[in-house]
């Protein structure tokens, strides 16, 4: 499906505002994500009929499921989940998969840069190692020290990575 050629600018505006608010307050407001999500679902049906609606719903569901799983594991805020679902409603599942891969790469580079410049690279590597290699010793529940609700946990705003991944996936097409 892809983003409608006449409707790319709302996505850029929403991603810009989401990035700025996430950097400033570590929150992505509902007043931004929810109307964007609803408009994406509505616009797809108006321009592409039932096929567009189906693609939009599939993109929404894919974004919600993938980021929702990360939220329930403790590593992603609900604002990120709603933003990813809204983006999926705009761009559909196929382009969302590319956007999520690029988002993951951008997020990894951002996290590593943040750790290097913040002086906690060892802590980042230990935590990442625990998440990747320590899975046999725990259930599907989040690691108690590596969750957003832990006040001592470093929290990186993820909207910039979502914005970078989405925009690169869109403009690279």
C-alpha atoms as a PDB file:
ATOM      1  CA  UNK A   1       0.000   0.000   0.000  1.00  0.00           C
ATOM      2  CA  UNK A   2       2.588   2.578   1.045  1.00  0.00           C
ATOM      3  CA  UNK A   3       1.914   6.090   2.133  1.00  0.00           C
ATOM      4  CA  UNK A   4      -0.426   8.015  -0.123  1.00  0.00           C
ATOM      5  CA  UNK A   5       1.608  10.396  -2.235  1.00  0.00           C
ATOM      6  CA  UNK A   6      -0.526  13.366  -1.176  1.00  0.00           C
ATOM      7  CA  UNK A   7      -0.496  12.462   2.508  1.00  0.00           C
ATOM      8  CA  UNK A   8       3.177  12.022   3.415  1.00  0.00           C
ATOM      9  CA  UNK A   9       3.472  15.357   5.222  1.00  0.00           C
ATOM     10  CA  UNK A  10       1.172  14.485   8.185  1.00  0.00           C
ATOM     11  CA  UNK A  11       3.480  11.560   8.952  1.00  0.00           C
ATOM     12  CA  UNK A  12       6.529  13.834   8.945  1.00  0.00           C
ATOM     13  CA  UNK A  13       4.761  16.327  11.226  1.00  0.00           C
ATOM     14  CA  UNK A  14       3.603  13.631  13.668  1.00  0.00           C
ATOM     15  CA  UNK A  15       7.020  11.969  13.791  1.00  0.00           C
ATOM     16  CA  UNK A  16       8.709  15.334  14.369  1.00  0.00           C
ATOM     17  CA  UNK A  17       6.372  16.269  17.223  1.00  0.00           C
ATOM     18  CA  UNK A  18       6.626  12.749  18.726  1.00  0.00           C
ATOM     19  CA  UNK A  19      10.427  12.960  18.616  1.00  0.00           C
ATOM     20  CA  UNK A  20      10.523  16.380  20.254  1.00  0.00           C
ATOM     21  CA  UNK A  21       8.068  15.464  23.025  1.00  0.00           C
ATOM     22  CA  UNK A  22       9.800  12.139  23.682  1.00  0.00           C
ATOM     23  CA  UNK A  23      13.200  13.823  23.898  1.00  0.00           C
ATOM     24  CA  UNK A  24      11.843  16.505  26.216  1.00  0.00           C
ATOM     25  CA  UNK A  25       9.503  14.539  28.493  1.00  0.00           C
ATOM     26  CA  UNK A  26      10.010  10.835  27.643  1.00  0.00           C
ATOM     27  CA  UNK A  27       6.346  10.704  26.589  1.00  0.00           C
ATOM     28  CA  UNK A  28       4.460  10.531  23.307  1.00  0.00           C
ATOM     29  CA  UNK A  29       1.051  12.091  23.899  1.00  0.00           C
ATOM     30  CA  UNK A  30      -2.225  10.374  23.010  1.00  0.00           C
ATOM     31  CA  UNK A  31      -3.516  13.603  21.458  1.00  0.00           C
ATOM     32  CA  UNK A  32      -0.861  13.069  18.797  1.00  0.00           C
ATOM     33  CA  UNK A  33      -0.909   9.299  18.178  1.00  0.00           C
ATOM     34  CA  UNK A  34      -4.603   8.465  18.403  1.00  0.00           C
ATOM     35  CA  UNK A  35      -5.948  10.953  15.816  1.00  0.00           C
ATOM     36  CA  UNK A  36      -3.038  10.053  13.509  1.00  0.00           C
ATOM     37  CA  UNK A  37      -3.993   6.387  13.876  1.00  0.00           C
ATOM     38  CA  UNK A  38      -7.700   7.042  13.215  1.00  0.00           C
ATOM     39  CA  UNK A  39      -6.947   9.289  10.251  1.00  0.00           C
ATOM     40  CA  UNK A  40      -4.616   6.662   8.751  1.00  0.00           C
ATOM     41  CA  UNK A  41      -7.287   3.986   9.049  1.00  0.00           C
ATOM     42  CA  UNK A  42      -9.943   6.278   7.556  1.00  0.00           C
ATOM     43  CA  UNK A  43      -7.797   7.677   4.756  1.00  0.00           C
ATOM     44  CA  UNK A  44      -6.805   4.251   3.480  1.00  0.00           C
ATOM     45  CA  UNK A  45     -10.413   3.204   2.993  1.00  0.00           C
ATOM     46  CA  UNK A  46     -11.353   6.435   1.289  1.00  0.00           C
ATOM     47  CA  UNK A  47      -8.530   6.203  -1.236  1.00  0.00           C
ATOM     48  CA  UNK A  48      -8.160   2.448  -1.778  1.00  0.00           C
ATOM     49  CA  UNK A  49     -11.472   0.859  -0.816  1.00  0.00           C
ATOM     50  CA  UNK A  50     -11.648  -2.348   1.207  1.00  0.00           C
ATOM     51  CA  UNK A  51      -8.164  -3.424   0.147  1.00  0.00           C
ATOM     52  CA  UNK A  52      -6.774  -0.209   1.626  1.00  0.00           C
ATOM     53  CA  UNK A  53      -8.721  -0.718   4.842  1.00  0.00           C
ATOM     54  CA  UNK A  54      -7.421  -4.273   5.142  1.00  0.00           C
ATOM     55  CA  UNK A  55      -3.817  -3.165   4.548  1.00  0.00           C
ATOM     56  CA  UNK A  56      -4.205  -0.379   7.084  1.00  0.00           C
ATOM     57  CA  UNK A  57      -5.687  -2.685   9.728  1.00  0.00           C
ATOM     58  CA  UNK A  58      -2.938  -5.254   9.104  1.00  0.00           C
ATOM     59  CA  UNK A  59      -0.251  -2.571   9.482  1.00  0.00           C
ATOM     60  CA  UNK A  60      -1.904  -1.275  12.647  1.00  0.00           C
ATOM     61  CA  UNK A  61      -2.101  -4.788  14.131  1.00  0.00           C
ATOM     62  CA  UNK A  62       1.494  -5.625  13.209  1.00  0.00           C
ATOM     63  CA  UNK A  63       2.839  -2.453  14.847  1.00  0.00           C
ATOM     64  CA  UNK A  64       0.677  -2.989  17.924  1.00  0.00           C
ATOM     65  CA  UNK A  65       1.664  -6.654  18.335  1.00  0.00           C
ATOM     66  CA  UNK A  66       5.415  -6.245  17.815  1.00  0.00           C
ATOM     67  CA  UNK A  67       5.821  -3.130  19.961  1.00  0.00           C
ATOM     68  CA  UNK A  68       3.167  -4.379  22.415  1.00  0.00           C
ATOM     69  CA  UNK A  69       5.264  -7.491  23.043  1.00  0.00           C
ATOM     70  CA  UNK A  70       8.259  -5.289  23.814  1.00  0.00           C
ATOM     71  CA  UNK A  71       6.098  -3.196  26.146  1.00  0.00           C
ATOM     72  CA  UNK A  72       4.973  -6.239  28.105  1.00  0.00           C
ATOM     73  CA  UNK A  73       8.587  -7.400  28.401  1.00  0.00           C
ATOM     74  CA  UNK A  74       9.285  -4.067  30.084  1.00  0.00           C
ATOM     75  CA  UNK A  75      11.426  -2.323  27.488  1.00  0.00           C
ATOM     76  CA  UNK A  76       9.016  -0.080  25.603  1.00  0.00           C
ATOM     77  CA  UNK A  77       6.524   2.552  26.659  1.00  0.00           C
ATOM     78  CA  UNK A  78       2.882   2.544  25.537  1.00  0.00           C
ATOM     79  CA  UNK A  79       3.436   5.801  23.644  1.00  0.00           C
ATOM     80  CA  UNK A  80       5.916   3.951  21.422  1.00  0.00           C
ATOM     81  CA  UNK A  81       3.388   1.132  20.927  1.00  0.00           C
ATOM     82  CA  UNK A  82       0.621   3.540  19.882  1.00  0.00           C
ATOM     83  CA  UNK A  83       2.979   5.445  17.581  1.00  0.00           C
ATOM     84  CA  UNK A  84       4.114   2.208  15.867  1.00  0.00           C
ATOM     85  CA  UNK A  85       0.495   1.081  15.460  1.00  0.00           C
ATOM     86  CA  UNK A  86      -0.462   4.459  13.988  1.00  0.00           C
ATOM     87  CA  UNK A  87       2.448   4.324  11.548  1.00  0.00           C
ATOM     88  CA  UNK A  88       1.356   0.824  10.547  1.00  0.00           C
ATOM     89  CA  UNK A  89      -2.120   2.175   9.826  1.00  0.00           C
ATOM     90  CA  UNK A  90      -0.558   4.742   7.477  1.00  0.00           C
ATOM     91  CA  UNK A  91       1.970   2.624   5.632  1.00  0.00           C
ATOM     92  CA  UNK A  92       0.635  -0.945   5.800  1.00  0.00           C
ATOM     93  CA  UNK A  93       2.334  -4.160   6.928  1.00  0.00           C
ATOM     94  CA  UNK A  94       4.857  -4.603   4.129  1.00  0.00           C
ATOM     95  CA  UNK A  95       6.458  -1.193   4.456  1.00  0.00           C
ATOM     96  CA  UNK A  96       6.120  -1.338   8.251  1.00  0.00           C
ATOM     97  CA  UNK A  97       8.358  -4.428   8.345  1.00  0.00           C
ATOM     98  CA  UNK A  98      11.107  -2.506   6.544  1.00  0.00           C
ATOM     99  CA  UNK A  99      10.538   0.494   8.821  1.00  0.00           C
ATOM    100  CA  UNK A 100      10.837  -1.715  11.923  1.00  0.00           C
ATOM    101  CA  UNK A 101      14.121  -3.249  10.749  1.00  0.00           C
ATOM    102  CA  UNK A 102      15.597   0.195  10.093  1.00  0.00           C
ATOM    103  CA  UNK A 103      14.124   1.429  13.405  1.00  0.00           C
ATOM    104  CA  UNK A 104      15.873  -1.407  15.250  1.00  0.00           C
ATOM    105  CA  UNK A 105      19.183  -0.565  13.592  1.00  0.00           C
ATOM    106  CA  UNK A 106      18.771   3.147  14.356  1.00  0.00           C
ATOM    107  CA  UNK A 107      17.785   2.373  17.954  1.00  0.00           C
ATOM    108  CA  UNK A 108      20.813   0.131  18.412  1.00  0.00           C
ATOM    109  CA  UNK A 109      23.184   2.774  17.073  1.00  0.00           C
ATOM    110  CA  UNK A 110      21.526   5.406  19.273  1.00  0.00           C
ATOM    111  CA  UNK A 111      21.763   3.203  22.394  1.00  0.00           C
ATOM    112  CA  UNK A 112      25.401   2.368  21.782  1.00  0.00           C
ATOM    113  CA  UNK A 113      26.266   6.034  21.137  1.00  0.00           C
ATOM    114  CA  UNK A 114      24.357   7.095  24.242  1.00  0.00           C
ATOM    115  CA  UNK A 115      26.226   4.514  26.337  1.00  0.00           C
ATOM    116  CA  UNK A 116      29.637   5.457  24.944  1.00  0.00           C
ATOM    117  CA  UNK A 117      29.133   9.197  25.469  1.00  0.00           C
ATOM    118  CA  UNK A 118      27.374   8.640  28.801  1.00  0.00           C
ATOM    119  CA  UNK A 119      30.132   6.427  30.159  1.00  0.00           C
ATOM    120  CA  UNK A 120      28.044   3.316  30.807  1.00  0.00           C
ATOM    121  CA  UNK A 121      29.011   1.039  27.919  1.00  0.00           C
ATOM    122  CA  UNK A 122      29.856  -1.846  30.275  1.00  0.00           C
ATOM    123  CA  UNK A 123      26.456  -1.575  31.931  1.00  0.00           C
ATOM    124  CA  UNK A 124      24.750  -1.591  28.519  1.00  0.00           C
ATOM    125  CA  UNK A 125      26.670  -4.664  27.389  1.00  0.00           C
ATOM    126  CA  UNK A 126      25.971  -6.537  30.648  1.00  0.00           C
ATOM    127  CA  UNK A 127      22.267  -5.738  30.413  1.00  0.00           C
ATOM    128  CA  UNK A 128      22.130  -6.712  26.750  1.00  0.00           C
ATOM    129  CA  UNK A 129      23.996  -9.934  27.494  1.00  0.00           C
ATOM    130  CA  UNK A 130      21.519 -10.742  30.252  1.00  0.00           C
ATOM    131  CA  UNK A 131      18.599 -10.180  27.894  1.00  0.00           C
ATOM    132  CA  UNK A 132      20.098 -12.245  25.074  1.00  0.00           C
ATOM    133  CA  UNK A 133      21.899 -15.030  26.909  1.00  0.00           C
ATOM    134  CA  UNK A 134      20.068 -15.187  30.242  1.00  0.00           C
ATOM    135  CA  UNK A 135      16.694 -16.148  28.783  1.00  0.00           C
ATOM    136  CA  UNK A 136      16.941 -19.809  29.863  1.00  0.00           C
ATOM    137  CA  UNK A 137      17.042 -18.822  33.512  1.00  0.00           C
ATOM    138  CA  UNK A 138      13.840 -16.783  33.526  1.00  0.00           C
ATOM    139  CA  UNK A 139      10.280 -16.840  32.299  1.00  0.00           C
ATOM    140  CA  UNK A 140       8.690 -14.555  29.717  1.00  0.00           C
ATOM    141  CA  UNK A 141       8.338 -11.914  32.424  1.00  0.00           C
ATOM    142  CA  UNK A 142      10.517  -8.836  32.185  1.00  0.00           C
ATOM    143  CA  UNK A 143      13.835  -8.746  34.010  1.00  0.00           C
ATOM    144  CA  UNK A 144      13.098  -6.827  37.245  1.00  0.00           C
ATOM    145  CA  UNK A 145      16.068  -4.476  36.851  1.00  0.00           C
ATOM    146  CA  UNK A 146      15.690  -3.844  33.123  1.00  0.00           C
ATOM    147  CA  UNK A 147      12.168  -2.395  32.974  1.00  0.00           C
ATOM    148  CA  UNK A 148      10.878   1.131  32.474  1.00  0.00           C
ATOM    149  CA  UNK A 149       9.137   1.113  35.857  1.00  0.00           C
ATOM    150  CA  UNK A 150      12.494   0.804  37.655  1.00  0.00           C
ATOM    151  CA  UNK A 151      13.440   4.383  38.619  1.00  0.00           C
ATOM    152  CA  UNK A 152      17.172   3.537  38.401  1.00  0.00           C
ATOM    153  CA  UNK A 153      16.919   2.246  34.832  1.00  0.00           C
ATOM    154  CA  UNK A 154      18.246   4.503  32.100  1.00  0.00           C
ATOM    155  CA  UNK A 155      15.435   5.347  29.712  1.00  0.00           C
ATOM    156  CA  UNK A 156      16.243   6.204  26.127  1.00  0.00           C
ATOM    157  CA  UNK A 157      13.540   7.967  24.125  1.00  0.00           C
ATOM    158  CA  UNK A 158      12.675   5.684  21.224  1.00  0.00           C
ATOM    159  CA  UNK A 159      10.545   8.028  19.079  1.00  0.00           C
ATOM    160  CA  UNK A 160      13.695   9.341  17.318  1.00  0.00           C
ATOM    161  CA  UNK A 161      14.577   5.789  16.236  1.00  0.00           C
ATOM    162  CA  UNK A 162      10.983   5.174  15.109  1.00  0.00           C
ATOM    163  CA  UNK A 163      11.054   8.416  13.128  1.00  0.00           C
ATOM    164  CA  UNK A 164      14.401   7.611  11.499  1.00  0.00           C
ATOM    165  CA  UNK A 165      13.327   4.070  10.585  1.00  0.00           C
ATOM    166  CA  UNK A 166       9.979   5.165   9.200  1.00  0.00           C
ATOM    167  CA  UNK A 167      11.317   8.073   7.170  1.00  0.00           C
ATOM    168  CA  UNK A 168      14.230   6.098   5.723  1.00  0.00           C
ATOM    169  CA  UNK A 169      11.875   3.259   4.747  1.00  0.00           C
ATOM    170  CA  UNK A 170       9.531   5.748   3.086  1.00  0.00           C
ATOM    171  CA  UNK A 171      12.041   7.888   1.229  1.00  0.00           C
ATOM    172  CA  UNK A 172      14.146   4.886   0.167  1.00  0.00           C
ATOM    173  CA  UNK A 173      11.201   3.460  -1.807  1.00  0.00           C
END
